[in-house]
Amino acid sequence: MRAIIMDGPGQVRIGDWEDPKPGPGEVLVAARAVGVCAGDLYIYQGKNPYVRFPQVAGHEIAGVVEEVGPGESGLAPGSKVVVEPFLGCGQCYPCRVGKSNCCANLRIIGVTQPGGFGERVLAPAEKIHRVPDNLSFADASFVEPVAIGVQACRRGAIAAGEYVLVLGCGPIGLAVIEVARARGARVVATDVALARMETAAKLGAEVLPSGDALLPKVLEQTRGEGAPVVVEATGNVKAMESTVDLVASGGRIVILGLLKKGTPVTFPGLDFTRKEMTVVGSRASVNCFPESLKLLASGAIHYPRVKSEFDMWDGPELIRDLAQNPGKLHKAVLVRG
């Protein structure tokens, strides 16, 4: 089959890849729309420690069932679907307690095994989700990033009427903003990039300036209490460290951003007891695709409006461009007829 192949750091091309064949319990999906994630750019740049080259990236996948493996009867060829890319082993402690997204032997479609930047992709049948007819393939490719927002909101136990501060208005920050608003929260967001803040405002968030002006403004808006929930989606050490000052006593901090392995983050120890705050991490998603699909199909999520669509086979040029100019687009989606 034809695919976008990454041969190594800084090397990407269109080429031939072995055509996958579904075995028992597997489904072959013809990719129709695949989102381009920062994670895909990390693979191209050689920053992902889990990838093995050559590889076909792409994990935000919408398409059509092309073939099902022997004994699999739950999905018929021609069904419009999305693919959930995180695959747990089912045996380790995280899997046993329902956190397969943190599996000790985690496999990821588009990272550790071939993904959606090609004509076809193989996935376990239980990781295939039907897509309502009213969602286009390009919009359905947002199910995976929106599911990350669902996971973060679940981890933060975000409820209607709560003041939620989101640090970072990139693709994942926007997903959090949308899901939190759908839950009825008052969402306030900030970013160092004006264009991203403008997009967050279009999606219904209140926006505040970043930097030294942020804390006084948050305290002003919360009667000096701080934000009940702070979601960090920047991957910036200083932003992570600032969450302790920004959160209210008894509040919750959700850390979504990724740092290079071994990078330390310092929190003032006294505040852990003085504020009795809850600090949780949030990794990808687990059991969030159904809610994400429901939110998108209902029209509660407007995030897909920010997308820019490109032909799948223009992918290598786009990937090279975005690696050099990561803030150029809010969200790119590769589409194939």
C-alpha atoms as a PDB file:
ATOM      1  CA  MET A   1       0.000   0.000   0.000  1.00  0.00           C
ATOM      2  CA  ARG A   2       0.983   3.637  -0.332  1.00  0.00           C
ATOM      3  CA  ALA A   3       2.000   5.418   2.882  1.00  0.00           C
ATOM      4  CA  ILE A   4       3.864   8.339   4.419  1.00  0.00           C
ATOM      5  CA  ILE A   5       6.999   6.688   5.771  1.00  0.00           C
ATOM      6  CA  MET A   6       9.367   8.139   8.346  1.00  0.00           C
ATOM      7  CA  ASP A   7      12.735   6.438   7.843  1.00  0.00           C
ATOM      8  CA  GLY A   8      14.472   8.259  10.686  1.00  0.00           C
ATOM      9  CA  PRO A   9      14.767  11.688  12.305  1.00  0.00           C
ATOM     10  CA  GLY A  10      14.194  14.365   9.664  1.00  0.00           C
ATOM     11  CA  GLN A  11      13.406  11.769   6.984  1.00  0.00           C
ATOM     12  CA  VAL A  12       9.889  11.467   5.571  1.00  0.00           C
ATOM     13  CA  ARG A  13       8.664  10.310   2.160  1.00  0.00           C
ATOM     14  CA  ILE A  14       5.824   8.685   0.226  1.00  0.00           C
ATOM     15  CA  GLY A  15       6.563   5.028  -0.416  1.00  0.00           C
ATOM     16  CA  ASP A  16       5.325   1.450  -0.464  1.00  0.00           C
ATOM     17  CA  TRP A  17       4.508  -0.275   2.825  1.00  0.00           C
ATOM     18  CA  GLU A  18       3.480  -3.857   3.408  1.00  0.00           C
ATOM     19  CA  ASP A  19      -0.295  -4.245   3.115  1.00  0.00           C
ATOM     20  CA  PRO A  20      -1.694  -5.320   6.510  1.00  0.00           C
ATOM     21  CA  LYS A  21      -3.965  -8.361   6.766  1.00  0.00           C
ATOM     22  CA  PRO A  22      -6.415  -8.730   9.679  1.00  0.00           C
ATOM     23  CA  GLY A  23      -6.091 -11.765  11.916  1.00  0.00           C
ATOM     24  CA  PRO A  24      -8.603 -13.038  14.494  1.00  0.00           C
ATOM     25  CA  GLY A  25     -10.058 -10.151  16.489  1.00  0.00           C
ATOM     26  CA  GLU A  26      -8.616  -7.528  14.153  1.00  0.00           C
ATOM     27  CA  VAL A  27     -10.112  -5.010  11.734  1.00  0.00           C
ATOM     28  CA  LEU A  28      -8.561  -3.413   8.662  1.00  0.00           C
ATOM     29  CA  VAL A  29      -9.584   0.236   8.263  1.00  0.00           C
ATOM     30  CA  ALA A  30      -9.162   2.327   5.119  1.00  0.00           C
ATOM     31  CA  ALA A  31      -7.957   5.696   6.433  1.00  0.00           C
ATOM     32  CA  ARG A  32      -9.944   8.692   5.169  1.00  0.00           C
ATOM     33  CA  ALA A  33      -8.876  11.466   7.555  1.00  0.00           C
ATOM     34  CA  VAL A  34      -5.977  11.565  10.018  1.00  0.00           C
ATOM     35  CA  GLY A  35      -5.097  14.455  12.295  1.00  0.00           C
ATOM     36  CA  VAL A  36      -1.503  15.668  12.488  1.00  0.00           C
ATOM     37  CA  CYS A  37      -0.503  15.805  16.146  1.00  0.00           C
ATOM     38  CA  ALA A  38       2.514  17.299  17.886  1.00  0.00           C
ATOM     39  CA  GLY A  39       3.368  13.682  18.668  1.00  0.00           C
ATOM     40  CA  ASP A  40       3.737  12.974  14.946  1.00  0.00           C
ATOM     41  CA  LEU A  41       6.147  15.876  14.660  1.00  0.00           C
ATOM     42  CA  TYR A  42       8.122  14.513  17.642  1.00  0.00           C
ATOM     43  CA  ILE A  43       8.517  11.241  15.744  1.00  0.00           C
ATOM     44  CA  TYR A  44       9.753  13.099  12.666  1.00  0.00           C
ATOM     45  CA  GLN A  45      12.169  15.101  14.810  1.00  0.00           C
ATOM     46  CA  GLY A  46      13.477  11.997  16.582  1.00  0.00           C
ATOM     47  CA  LYS A  47      12.165  13.110  19.979  1.00  0.00           C
ATOM     48  CA  ASN A  48       9.908  10.111  20.678  1.00  0.00           C
ATOM     49  CA  PRO A  49      11.857   7.410  22.560  1.00  0.00           C
ATOM     50  CA  TYR A  50       9.303   4.681  21.838  1.00  0.00           C
ATOM     51  CA  VAL A  51       9.247   4.768  18.037  1.00  0.00           C
ATOM     52  CA  ARG A  52      11.199   2.331  15.890  1.00  0.00           C
ATOM     53  CA  PHE A  53      12.115   3.461  12.383  1.00  0.00           C
ATOM     54  CA  PRO A  54      11.000   3.095   9.679  1.00  0.00           C
ATOM     55  CA  GLN A  55       7.459   3.834  10.814  1.00  0.00           C
ATOM     56  CA  VAL A  56       4.064   5.036   9.570  1.00  0.00           C
ATOM     57  CA  ALA A  57       2.814   7.624  12.070  1.00  0.00           C
ATOM     58  CA  GLY A  58      -0.711   9.003  12.547  1.00  0.00           C
ATOM     59  CA  HIS A  59      -2.943   8.095  15.510  1.00  0.00           C
ATOM     60  CA  GLU A  60      -5.984  10.402  15.095  1.00  0.00           C
ATOM     61  CA  ILE A  61      -7.696   8.115  12.597  1.00  0.00           C
ATOM     62  CA  ALA A  62     -11.121   8.116  10.951  1.00  0.00           C
ATOM     63  CA  GLY A  63     -11.997   5.807   8.094  1.00  0.00           C
ATOM     64  CA  VAL A  64     -14.054   2.920   6.771  1.00  0.00           C
ATOM     65  CA  VAL A  65     -13.931  -0.744   7.724  1.00  0.00           C
ATOM     66  CA  GLU A  66     -12.409  -2.540   4.749  1.00  0.00           C
ATOM     67  CA  GLU A  67     -12.025  -6.075   6.079  1.00  0.00           C
ATOM     68  CA  VAL A  68     -12.584  -7.957   9.334  1.00  0.00           C
ATOM     69  CA  GLY A  69     -10.529 -10.834  10.656  1.00  0.00           C
ATOM     70  CA  PRO A  70     -11.727 -14.432  11.003  1.00  0.00           C
ATOM     71  CA  GLY A  71     -14.492 -14.864  13.553  1.00  0.00           C
ATOM     72  CA  GLU A  72     -15.128 -11.128  13.951  1.00  0.00           C
ATOM     73  CA  SER A  73     -18.796 -10.327  13.281  1.00  0.00           C
ATOM     74  CA  GLY A  74     -19.431  -7.092  15.154  1.00  0.00           C
ATOM     75  CA  LEU A  75     -18.340  -4.747  12.365  1.00  0.00           C
ATOM     76  CA  ALA A  76     -19.317  -4.850   8.722  1.00  0.00           C
ATOM     77  CA  PRO A  77     -17.180  -3.637   5.814  1.00  0.00           C
ATOM     78  CA  GLY A  78     -18.211  -0.113   4.839  1.00  0.00           C
ATOM     79  CA  SER A  79     -18.866   1.041   8.415  1.00  0.00           C
ATOM     80  CA  LYS A  80     -17.641   4.570   9.233  1.00  0.00           C
ATOM     81  CA  VAL A  81     -15.335   4.317  12.254  1.00  0.00           C
ATOM     82  CA  VAL A  82     -12.581   5.870  14.348  1.00  0.00           C
ATOM     83  CA  VAL A  83      -9.601   4.000  15.780  1.00  0.00           C
ATOM     84  CA  GLU A  84      -8.583   4.203  19.442  1.00  0.00           C
ATOM     85  CA  PRO A  85      -4.768   4.018  19.285  1.00  0.00           C
ATOM     86  CA  PHE A  86      -3.645   3.125  22.837  1.00  0.00           C
ATOM     87  CA  LEU A  87      -3.362  -0.651  23.299  1.00  0.00           C
ATOM     88  CA  GLY A  88      -2.814  -2.085  26.786  1.00  0.00           C
ATOM     89  CA  CYS A  89      -1.502  -5.566  27.517  1.00  0.00           C
ATOM     90  CA  GLY A  90      -4.372  -6.370  29.876  1.00  0.00           C
ATOM     91  CA  GLN A  91      -2.040  -8.060  32.389  1.00  0.00           C
ATOM     92  CA  CYS A  92       0.032  -5.391  34.200  1.00  0.00           C
ATOM     93  CA  TYR A  93      -1.092  -3.465  37.294  1.00  0.00           C
ATOM     94  CA  PRO A  94      -2.323  -0.340  35.423  1.00  0.00           C
ATOM     95  CA  CYS A  95      -4.379  -2.518  33.078  1.00  0.00           C
ATOM     96  CA  ARG A  96      -5.794  -4.529  35.970  1.00  0.00           C
ATOM     97  CA  VAL A  97      -7.044  -1.348  37.687  1.00  0.00           C
ATOM     98  CA  GLY A  98      -8.573   0.165  34.543  1.00  0.00           C
ATOM     99  CA  LYS A  99      -5.680   2.427  33.529  1.00  0.00           C
ATOM    100  CA  SER A 100      -4.610   0.727  30.311  1.00  0.00           C
ATOM    101  CA  ASN A 101      -3.508   4.144  29.014  1.00  0.00           C
ATOM    102  CA  CYS A 102      -0.598   3.798  31.474  1.00  0.00           C
ATOM    103  CA  CYS A 103       0.150   0.166  30.551  1.00  0.00           C
ATOM    104  CA  ALA A 104       3.671  -1.009  31.413  1.00  0.00           C
ATOM    105  CA  ASN A 105       3.826  -2.681  27.995  1.00  0.00           C
ATOM    106  CA  LEU A 106       1.915  -0.014  26.105  1.00  0.00           C
ATOM    107  CA  ARG A 107       1.610  -0.186  22.335  1.00  0.00           C
ATOM    108  CA  ILE A 108       0.404   2.805  20.334  1.00  0.00           C
ATOM    109  CA  ILE A 109      -0.919   2.702  16.796  1.00  0.00           C
ATOM    110  CA  GLY A 110       1.093   5.273  14.884  1.00  0.00           C
ATOM    111  CA  VAL A 111       4.046   5.111  17.285  1.00  0.00           C
ATOM    112  CA  THR A 112       5.088   1.544  18.123  1.00  0.00           C
ATOM    113  CA  GLN A 113       3.200   0.024  15.190  1.00  0.00           C
ATOM    114  CA  PRO A 114       1.974   1.367  11.837  1.00  0.00           C
ATOM    115  CA  GLY A 115      -0.597   4.153  12.017  1.00  0.00           C
ATOM    116  CA  GLY A 116      -2.988   6.031   9.801  1.00  0.00           C
ATOM    117  CA  PHE A 117      -0.672   7.995   7.495  1.00  0.00           C
ATOM    118  CA  GLY A 118      -1.318   5.486   4.740  1.00  0.00           C
ATOM    119  CA  GLU A 119      -4.075   3.792   2.833  1.00  0.00           C
ATOM    120  CA  ARG A 120      -4.901   1.197   5.516  1.00  0.00           C
ATOM    121  CA  VAL A 121      -4.345   0.614   9.212  1.00  0.00           C
ATOM    122  CA  LEU A 122      -4.832  -2.475  11.376  1.00  0.00           C
ATOM    123  CA  ALA A 123      -6.394  -2.356  14.854  1.00  0.00           C
ATOM    124  CA  PRO A 124      -8.023  -4.671  17.422  1.00  0.00           C
ATOM    125  CA  ALA A 125     -11.781  -4.864  16.963  1.00  0.00           C
ATOM    126  CA  GLU A 126     -12.405  -3.602  20.518  1.00  0.00           C
ATOM    127  CA  LYS A 127     -10.556  -0.396  19.624  1.00  0.00           C
ATOM    128  CA  ILE A 128     -12.876   0.406  16.721  1.00  0.00           C
ATOM    129  CA  HIS A 129     -15.781   2.808  17.348  1.00  0.00           C
ATOM    130  CA  ARG A 130     -18.662   3.506  14.981  1.00  0.00           C
ATOM    131  CA  VAL A 131     -19.109   7.100  13.830  1.00  0.00           C
ATOM    132  CA  PRO A 132     -22.559   8.725  13.450  1.00  0.00           C
ATOM    133  CA  ASP A 133     -23.524   9.614   9.889  1.00  0.00           C
ATOM    134  CA  ASN A 134     -23.692  13.338  10.654  1.00  0.00           C
ATOM    135  CA  LEU A 135     -19.934  13.519  11.339  1.00  0.00           C
ATOM    136  CA  SER A 136     -17.580  13.948   8.387  1.00  0.00           C
ATOM    137  CA  PHE A 137     -14.381  11.929   8.333  1.00  0.00           C
ATOM    138  CA  ALA A 138     -12.317  15.074   8.941  1.00  0.00           C
ATOM    139  CA  ASP A 139     -14.428  16.054  11.953  1.00  0.00           C
ATOM    140  CA  ALA A 140     -14.394  12.460  13.242  1.00  0.00           C
ATOM    141  CA  SER A 141     -10.584  12.546  13.310  1.00  0.00           C
ATOM    142  CA  PHE A 142     -10.973  14.908  16.280  1.00  0.00           C
ATOM    143  CA  VAL A 143     -12.428  12.138  18.457  1.00  0.00           C
ATOM    144  CA  GLU A 144      -8.966  11.177  19.748  1.00  0.00           C
ATOM    145  CA  PRO A 145      -7.800  14.673  20.808  1.00  0.00           C
ATOM    146  CA  VAL A 146     -11.244  15.503  22.238  1.00  0.00           C
ATOM    147  CA  ALA A 147     -11.045  12.239  24.222  1.00  0.00           C
ATOM    148  CA  ILE A 148      -7.847  13.603  25.795  1.00  0.00           C
ATOM    149  CA  GLY A 149      -9.920  16.591  26.923  1.00  0.00           C
ATOM    150  CA  VAL A 150     -12.555  14.230  28.326  1.00  0.00           C
ATOM    151  CA  GLN A 151      -9.883  12.336  30.261  1.00  0.00           C
ATOM    152  CA  ALA A 152      -8.429  15.551  31.692  1.00  0.00           C
ATOM    153  CA  CYS A 153     -11.853  16.792  32.787  1.00  0.00           C
ATOM    154  CA  ARG A 154     -12.571  13.449  34.422  1.00  0.00           C
ATOM    155  CA  ARG A 155      -9.226  13.502  36.212  1.00  0.00           C
ATOM    156  CA  GLY A 156      -9.991  17.017  37.452  1.00  0.00           C
ATOM    157  CA  ALA A 157     -13.591  16.114  38.359  1.00  0.00           C
ATOM    158  CA  ILE A 158     -14.712  19.294  36.588  1.00  0.00           C
ATOM    159  CA  ALA A 159     -18.329  20.141  37.324  1.00  0.00           C
ATOM    160  CA  ALA A 160     -20.908  22.654  36.152  1.00  0.00           C
ATOM    161  CA  GLY A 161     -20.429  26.156  37.494  1.00  0.00           C
ATOM    162  CA  GLU A 162     -16.773  25.705  38.470  1.00  0.00           C
ATOM    163  CA  TYR A 163     -14.089  28.197  37.548  1.00  0.00           C
ATOM    164  CA  VAL A 164     -11.536  26.289  35.448  1.00  0.00           C
ATOM    165  CA  LEU A 165      -8.223  27.834  34.417  1.00  0.00           C
ATOM    166  CA  VAL A 166      -6.553  26.277  31.361  1.00  0.00           C
ATOM    167  CA  LEU A 167      -2.867  27.045  30.804  1.00  0.00           C
ATOM    168  CA  GLY A 168      -2.084  26.625  27.103  1.00  0.00           C
ATOM    169  CA  CYS A 169      -4.412  27.047  24.123  1.00  0.00           C
ATOM    170  CA  GLY A 170      -2.739  24.621  21.732  1.00  0.00           C
ATOM    171  CA  PRO A 171      -4.631  21.651  20.254  1.00  0.00           C
ATOM    172  CA  ILE A 172      -4.984  19.817  23.577  1.00  0.00           C
ATOM    173  CA  GLY A 173      -5.752  22.958  25.555  1.00  0.00           C
ATOM    174  CA  LEU A 174      -8.555  23.733  23.096  1.00  0.00           C
ATOM    175  CA  ALA A 175      -9.955  20.232  23.581  1.00  0.00           C
ATOM    176  CA  VAL A 176      -9.982  20.726  27.351  1.00  0.00           C
ATOM    177  CA  ILE A 177     -11.669  24.116  26.965  1.00  0.00           C
ATOM    178  CA  GLU A 178     -14.423  22.619  24.811  1.00  0.00           C
ATOM    179  CA  VAL A 179     -15.116  19.621  27.054  1.00  0.00           C
ATOM    180  CA  ALA A 180     -15.063  21.715  30.239  1.00  0.00           C
ATOM    181  CA  ARG A 181     -17.515  24.186  28.705  1.00  0.00           C
ATOM    182  CA  ALA A 182     -19.751  21.303  27.631  1.00  0.00           C
ATOM    183  CA  ARG A 183     -19.799  20.282  31.297  1.00  0.00           C
ATOM    184  CA  GLY A 184     -21.060  23.748  32.205  1.00  0.00           C
ATOM    185  CA  ALA A 185     -17.840  25.097  33.693  1.00  0.00           C
ATOM    186  CA  ARG A 186     -16.697  28.703  33.480  1.00  0.00           C
ATOM    187  CA  VAL A 187     -13.499  28.345  31.476  1.00  0.00           C
ATOM    188  CA  VAL A 188     -10.693  30.893  31.589  1.00  0.00           C
ATOM    189  CA  ALA A 189      -7.613  30.341  29.423  1.00  0.00           C
ATOM    190  CA  THR A 190      -4.205  31.823  28.763  1.00  0.00           C
ATOM    191  CA  ASP A 191      -1.307  31.342  26.372  1.00  0.00           C
ATOM    192  CA  VAL A 192       1.847  33.178  25.342  1.00  0.00           C
ATOM    193  CA  ALA A 193       0.636  33.185  21.721  1.00  0.00           C
ATOM    194  CA  LEU A 194      -2.006  35.790  20.899  1.00  0.00           C
ATOM    195  CA  ALA A 195      -3.398  33.796  17.934  1.00  0.00           C
ATOM    196  CA  ARG A 196      -4.061  30.794  20.171  1.00  0.00           C
ATOM    197  CA  MET A 197      -5.814  32.973  22.743  1.00  0.00           C
ATOM    198  CA  GLU A 198      -7.988  34.423  19.997  1.00  0.00           C
ATOM    199  CA  THR A 199      -8.996  30.903  18.963  1.00  0.00           C
ATOM    200  CA  ALA A 200      -9.791  29.983  22.561  1.00  0.00           C
ATOM    201  CA  ALA A 201     -11.994  33.063  22.807  1.00  0.00           C
ATOM    202  CA  LYS A 202     -13.852  32.031  19.637  1.00  0.00           C
ATOM    203  CA  LEU A 203     -14.552  28.685  21.288  1.00  0.00           C
ATOM    204  CA  GLY A 204     -16.111  30.444  24.279  1.00  0.00           C
ATOM    205  CA  ALA A 205     -13.293  30.738  26.808  1.00  0.00           C
ATOM    206  CA  GLU A 206     -12.530  33.931  28.693  1.00  0.00           C
ATOM    207  CA  VAL A 207      -8.920  34.826  28.018  1.00  0.00           C
ATOM    208  CA  LEU A 208      -6.353  36.405  30.315  1.00  0.00           C
ATOM    209  CA  PRO A 209      -2.808  37.617  29.662  1.00  0.00           C
ATOM    210  CA  SER A 210      -0.009  35.223  30.567  1.00  0.00           C
ATOM    211  CA  GLY A 211       3.063  36.031  32.639  1.00  0.00           C
ATOM    212  CA  ASP A 212       3.135  38.119  35.814  1.00  0.00           C
ATOM    213  CA  ALA A 213      -0.308  39.610  35.167  1.00  0.00           C
ATOM    214  CA  LEU A 214      -2.061  36.228  35.296  1.00  0.00           C
ATOM    215  CA  LEU A 215      -2.104  35.524  39.049  1.00  0.00           C
ATOM    216  CA  PRO A 216      -3.459  38.933  40.121  1.00  0.00           C
ATOM    217  CA  LYS A 217      -6.217  38.674  37.523  1.00  0.00           C
ATOM    218  CA  VAL A 218      -7.200  35.144  38.589  1.00  0.00           C
ATOM    219  CA  LEU A 219      -7.303  36.233  42.230  1.00  0.00           C
ATOM    220  CA  GLU A 220      -9.411  39.246  41.253  1.00  0.00           C
ATOM    221  CA  GLN A 221     -11.900  37.027  39.396  1.00  0.00           C
ATOM    222  CA  THR A 222     -12.108  34.493  42.238  1.00  0.00           C
ATOM    223  CA  ARG A 223     -12.394  36.917  45.180  1.00  0.00           C
ATOM    224  CA  GLY A 224      -8.822  36.149  46.217  1.00  0.00           C
ATOM    225  CA  GLU A 225      -9.394  32.382  46.418  1.00  0.00           C
ATOM    226  CA  GLY A 226      -7.639  31.102  43.302  1.00  0.00           C
ATOM    227  CA  ALA A 227      -8.970  28.713  40.665  1.00  0.00           C
ATOM    228  CA  PRO A 228     -10.803  25.593  41.908  1.00  0.00           C
ATOM    229  CA  VAL A 229      -9.318  23.709  38.947  1.00  0.00           C
ATOM    230  CA  VAL A 230      -6.116  24.447  37.023  1.00  0.00           C
ATOM    231  CA  VAL A 231      -5.333  22.404  33.908  1.00  0.00           C
ATOM    232  CA  GLU A 232      -1.777  22.685  32.613  1.00  0.00           C
ATOM    233  CA  ALA A 233      -1.502  21.947  28.870  1.00  0.00           C
ATOM    234  CA  THR A 234       1.739  23.695  27.943  1.00  0.00           C
ATOM    235  CA  GLY A 235       4.569  21.276  28.644  1.00  0.00           C
ATOM    236  CA  ASN A 236       6.461  24.205  30.166  1.00  0.00           C
ATOM    237  CA  VAL A 237       8.219  23.831  33.529  1.00  0.00           C
ATOM    238  CA  LYS A 238       7.428  27.369  34.726  1.00  0.00           C
ATOM    239  CA  ALA A 239       3.760  26.950  33.804  1.00  0.00           C
ATOM    240  CA  MET A 240       3.585  23.695  35.755  1.00  0.00           C
ATOM    241  CA  GLU A 241       5.227  25.300  38.774  1.00  0.00           C
ATOM    242  CA  SER A 242       2.838  28.264  38.624  1.00  0.00           C
ATOM    243  CA  THR A 243      -0.195  26.005  39.102  1.00  0.00           C
ATOM    244  CA  VAL A 244       0.431  25.848  42.849  1.00  0.00           C
ATOM    245  CA  ASP A 245      -0.004  29.612  43.223  1.00  0.00           C
ATOM    246  CA  LEU A 246      -2.960  29.730  40.849  1.00  0.00           C
ATOM    247  CA  VAL A 247      -5.030  26.942  42.419  1.00  0.00           C
ATOM    248  CA  ALA A 248      -7.402  27.547  45.322  1.00  0.00           C
ATOM    249  CA  SER A 249      -6.906  25.815  48.646  1.00  0.00           C
ATOM    250  CA  GLY A 250      -8.624  22.459  48.376  1.00  0.00           C
ATOM    251  CA  GLY A 251      -8.539  22.723  44.568  1.00  0.00           C
ATOM    252  CA  ARG A 252      -7.307  20.383  41.858  1.00  0.00           C
ATOM    253  CA  ILE A 253      -4.378  20.596  39.466  1.00  0.00           C
ATOM    254  CA  VAL A 254      -4.325  18.473  36.295  1.00  0.00           C
ATOM    255  CA  ILE A 255      -0.970  18.130  34.531  1.00  0.00           C
ATOM    256  CA  LEU A 256      -1.308  17.288  30.824  1.00  0.00           C
ATOM    257  CA  GLY A 257       1.871  18.768  29.377  1.00  0.00           C
ATOM    258  CA  LEU A 258       4.815  16.542  28.509  1.00  0.00           C
ATOM    259  CA  LEU A 259       8.387  17.264  29.529  1.00  0.00           C
ATOM    260  CA  LYS A 260      11.618  15.610  28.493  1.00  0.00           C
ATOM    261  CA  LYS A 261      12.356  12.568  30.665  1.00  0.00           C
ATOM    262  CA  GLY A 262      14.220  13.524  33.820  1.00  0.00           C
ATOM    263  CA  THR A 263      13.169  17.178  33.776  1.00  0.00           C
ATOM    264  CA  PRO A 264      12.427  18.251  37.377  1.00  0.00           C
ATOM    265  CA  VAL A 265       9.449  20.361  38.427  1.00  0.00           C
ATOM    266  CA  THR A 266       9.573  22.110  41.820  1.00  0.00           C
ATOM    267  CA  PHE A 267       6.521  22.678  44.011  1.00  0.00           C
ATOM    268  CA  PRO A 268       6.782  24.435  47.408  1.00  0.00           C
ATOM    269  CA  GLY A 269       6.379  21.606  49.911  1.00  0.00           C
ATOM    270  CA  LEU A 270       4.398  23.587  52.469  1.00  0.00           C
ATOM    271  CA  ASP A 271       1.598  24.216  49.975  1.00  0.00           C
ATOM    272  CA  PHE A 272       0.847  20.503  49.702  1.00  0.00           C
ATOM    273  CA  THR A 273      -0.376  20.555  53.279  1.00  0.00           C
ATOM    274  CA  ARG A 274      -1.317  24.218  53.638  1.00  0.00           C
ATOM    275  CA  LYS A 275      -3.530  24.160  50.560  1.00  0.00           C
ATOM    276  CA  GLU A 276      -4.394  20.442  50.671  1.00  0.00           C
ATOM    277  CA  MET A 277      -4.537  20.554  46.902  1.00  0.00           C
ATOM    278  CA  THR A 278      -4.888  17.513  44.677  1.00  0.00           C
ATOM    279  CA  VAL A 279      -2.328  17.136  41.889  1.00  0.00           C
ATOM    280  CA  VAL A 280      -2.998  14.526  39.193  1.00  0.00           C
ATOM    281  CA  GLY A 281      -1.525  13.624  35.855  1.00  0.00           C
ATOM    282  CA  SER A 282      -3.600  12.884  32.780  1.00  0.00           C
ATOM    283  CA  ARG A 283      -2.287  10.676  29.977  1.00  0.00           C
ATOM    284  CA  ALA A 284      -4.108  10.322  26.642  1.00  0.00           C
ATOM    285  CA  SER A 285      -7.467   8.678  27.426  1.00  0.00           C
ATOM    286  CA  VAL A 286      -9.101   5.469  28.548  1.00  0.00           C
ATOM    287  CA  ASN A 287     -12.768   4.626  27.902  1.00  0.00           C
ATOM    288  CA  CYS A 288     -13.342   8.204  26.708  1.00  0.00           C
ATOM    289  CA  PHE A 289     -14.057   7.641  23.008  1.00  0.00           C
ATOM    290  CA  PRO A 290     -17.830   7.082  23.455  1.00  0.00           C
ATOM    291  CA  GLU A 291     -18.245  10.393  25.305  1.00  0.00           C
ATOM    292  CA  SER A 292     -15.994  12.182  22.816  1.00  0.00           C
ATOM    293  CA  LEU A 293     -18.049  10.857  19.891  1.00  0.00           C
ATOM    294  CA  LYS A 294     -21.287  11.889  21.588  1.00  0.00           C
ATOM    295  CA  LEU A 295     -20.026  15.419  22.227  1.00  0.00           C
ATOM    296  CA  LEU A 296     -18.857  15.869  18.633  1.00  0.00           C
ATOM    297  CA  ALA A 297     -22.002  14.395  17.086  1.00  0.00           C
ATOM    298  CA  SER A 298     -24.254  16.565  19.280  1.00  0.00           C
ATOM    299  CA  GLY A 299     -22.583  19.773  18.142  1.00  0.00           C
ATOM    300  CA  ALA A 300     -21.410  20.616  21.662  1.00  0.00           C
ATOM    301  CA  ILE A 301     -17.806  20.662  20.434  1.00  0.00           C
ATOM    302  CA  HIS A 302     -16.783  23.285  17.864  1.00  0.00           C
ATOM    303  CA  TYR A 303     -13.079  22.466  17.872  1.00  0.00           C
ATOM    304  CA  PRO A 304     -13.092  20.935  14.323  1.00  0.00           C
ATOM    305  CA  ARG A 305     -13.858  24.396  12.927  1.00  0.00           C
ATOM    306  CA  VAL A 306     -10.217  25.389  13.449  1.00  0.00           C
ATOM    307  CA  LYS A 307      -8.872  22.641  11.183  1.00  0.00           C
ATOM    308  CA  SER A 308      -6.976  23.032   7.914  1.00  0.00           C
ATOM    309  CA  GLU A 309      -7.358  20.097   5.508  1.00  0.00           C
ATOM    310  CA  PHE A 310      -4.587  18.787   3.239  1.00  0.00           C
ATOM    311  CA  ASP A 311      -4.365  15.932   0.778  1.00  0.00           C
ATOM    312  CA  MET A 312      -2.815  12.875   2.427  1.00  0.00           C
ATOM    313  CA  TRP A 313      -0.028  12.679  -0.163  1.00  0.00           C
ATOM    314  CA  ASP A 314       1.042  16.246   0.545  1.00  0.00           C
ATOM    315  CA  GLY A 315       1.825  15.019   4.059  1.00  0.00           C
ATOM    316  CA  PRO A 316       5.645  14.925   3.880  1.00  0.00           C
ATOM    317  CA  GLU A 317       5.866  18.561   2.810  1.00  0.00           C
ATOM    318  CA  LEU A 318       3.349  19.571   5.485  1.00  0.00           C
ATOM    319  CA  ILE A 319       5.205  17.658   8.213  1.00  0.00           C
ATOM    320  CA  ARG A 320       8.501  19.302   7.276  1.00  0.00           C
ATOM    321  CA  ASP A 321       6.833  22.722   7.314  1.00  0.00           C
ATOM    322  CA  LEU A 322       5.085  22.227  10.669  1.00  0.00           C
ATOM    323  CA  ALA A 323       8.290  20.910  12.259  1.00  0.00           C
ATOM    324  CA  GLN A 324       9.909  24.239  11.370  1.00  0.00           C
ATOM    325  CA  ASN A 325       6.817  26.348  12.151  1.00  0.00           C
ATOM    326  CA  PRO A 326       4.806  24.499  14.846  1.00  0.00           C
ATOM    327  CA  GLY A 327       2.469  27.438  15.488  1.00  0.00           C
ATOM    328  CA  LYS A 328       1.579  27.963  11.843  1.00  0.00           C
ATOM    329  CA  LEU A 329      -1.760  26.093  12.028  1.00  0.00           C
ATOM    330  CA  HIS A 330      -4.216  25.422  14.819  1.00  0.00           C
ATOM    331  CA  LYS A 331      -4.822  21.877  13.551  1.00  0.00           C
ATOM    332  CA  ALA A 332      -3.936  20.058  10.332  1.00  0.00           C
ATOM    333  CA  VAL A 333      -5.850  17.042   9.023  1.00  0.00           C
ATOM    334  CA  LEU A 334      -4.695  14.804   6.165  1.00  0.00           C
ATOM    335  CA  VAL A 335      -7.604  13.567   4.042  1.00  0.00           C
ATOM    336  CA  ARG A 336      -7.814  10.855   1.394  1.00  0.00           C
ATOM    337  CA  GLY A 337     -10.720  10.323  -1.011  1.00  0.00           C
END
